Amino acid sequence: MAALRTVVRPGAGRDVYIVEAVRTAIARGKSDGSLHNMLPVHLFSSTLKELVERAGVRPAEVEDVIGGVVTPKESQGANLPRLAALQAGFPVTTAAVQINRMCGSAQQAIHFAAQAIASGDMELVAAGGCEMMSVEKMGSDVSMAALGKLASTFPYQLMHQGQSAELVAEKYGISRAECDAFAVQSHRRATAAIRAGAFTSQIMPLKVTDSTGVERTFAVDEGVRESVDPAAIAKLKTIFKAEDGCVTAGNASQVSDGAAAVLLASGPKADELGLRKRARIVTRVVVGSDPEVMLDGVIPATQKALARAGLSVDDISVFEINEAFAPVVLAWVKELKPRDGTARVNPDGGAIAHGHPLGATGAVLMTKMLHYLERTGGRYGLQTMCIGHGQATATIIERLDAGA
């Protein structure tokens, strides 16, 4: 019998690069939202088509499409990314898969794409996500009866994330006033970014039709309040804790519709196709955390990502921390203690202002972070997101100079 030969795959452990990133403007996730009349498949297919057109690559070069969807039912079911890729004109040879790591889904899609490329299995992958909360309601993929049966024997208490946000506020000593002030800051920063045109290059304009049949262009995040009133936010009732609670509709993320996609490539593939390596994936991590407190996993996820990269908080130019609820970000700030407070944290506002289309937000934040680094000349960006049932994702990217 011939001796077995060890096969070493060429390229395993390779660097992975972001070569393009694009998002839609984020719409209110309600019947009067600008994207409500679009099918989710059409929304994501438009995003994928725009992604490859901006990159200047043929769809046939893309080997896989990995897309996050948090409520994968009805019009968001049946492997939406595969349907969207075909709708966008990708060839039948381009594979696609739908994933659900809850709020971290699109960020996890980016991780899976990067891992496939780093391992040498693939060369060019599109990753992102889509969520239309106005069409498929959050939580509608599981019945209360099913949750009730699970809860009777489950070793942890199953609770709403809003309740967990209150537990985070208690654990880290965060006040209602701090949460409201952070919400006001998010809207003001997002407003300033919009007025400065900071989002223009990252958003793909979409032709939309309202309920009366009038067509217009949608290209601005519509949840952002240009004239936010601190006094009005302070008067809102708490939702999950009546006495001494913190979480209100004003300091939590908005229900939203939107999509985003990122194109990742190996170095050799980027060189072959003449693609600009805009950023390098430095580290990508996922952690588990207490399933009841649930939302503070962003703290150990950040610490793990920094340690793996050999970096400190001071080395990071911008942090994108998903604003699912204000206490999440404020707890992160208290524990990580950045020297300048929240100055580098969500400098263009976050989900409290622009909204949180669940399965898409991870790619929305990555797109925002990449464009911010390019706009400001920063080097490293760190993105982290809390996830239901106690998990968190974190990614560090390094901006590369033009032509790198």
Foldseek 3Di string as FASTA:
>chain_A
DDDDDDDQQPQAQFWKFFQFKAKAFWWFLAQQTQCLPPQQLQQALVQVLVGCVVQVHDLQLAQEEEAEEAQQDDSNHPFSVLSSVVVNVRDPRRYYGYDHLWLCQQVVQVVVVRNCVNRVNGFKHKTFYWFRCNVPPPPPNDDPVVVVVCCVPPPDHDDDVLQLLQVLCVVQVNALLLLLVLLVQQLCLQLVCVVVCLCVVRHDWDWTAHPVGDTDIGGHQPQRDNDDDSVVSVPFQADNDRPRGRFGLLRAFGAITIIMMIMMGGPVVCVVVVGKRFKIWQDKDKDFDAQRNQFQQQQVQVVVRCVSNVHAPQLAQAEEEARRGSSNVVSNCSVRVDVVRCCRYSSNHHRSRRGRSRRGRSSVSVSSQSSVCVVVVRFKYKYKYTGHSGMMMMIMMTGDDTPD
